[in-house]
C-alpha cells in the first residue's frame, strides 16, 4: 500500500491594527468586486462622439473572520471600543495571510480603513462539547 505524501499544512494569520488574532478558524469573503464599468464619452477629431467603457475602481467587499472564543479577548479590544462608542478608533488596518508550515506567506490581503459591520457569537448547546465561536464581519473603507 502506498502512503501519499502529506499535504502542506496551512494556517491563517489575521492582524487587526497590528495585533495578531489567535485561534482563527476561517476567513470568508476575501477578494472583492471588480467595480463594474465606467462609461466615458469622448469626442473624436471628426466631431463624432464615442462612448467607451473602462474598468471601474475595484471595491473590496465585506469579509468575515471566524475564531474560537478563548480566555483572552485582548485582540478584539477594537470590537469592544467601537461598540462602546469610541468612534475615533473605529477604523483600522486588517491583514489576512495564509502561511505554510514553514512560516512562509503563500497569499496575503491587506485592507485599510476597515470598520466592524457586525459581531455574532455562537455558544455550544448545553451538554455539547463544541467550541464557542465568534464571527466578526469587517467592511473595508475607501482610501
Foldseek 3Di string as FASTA:
>chain_A
DDDDDDDWDKDKWKAWQNRTDPAWDDKPQFDFAQQAWDWDWDADPVGDIDIDIHGHDTFRFKMKIKGFDDPDDVRVVLVVCVVVPNPVSQWAKMKMFMATPVRHTPDMDIAGRKGWPDKDWDDDDPPDDDTIMMMTIIGGDDD
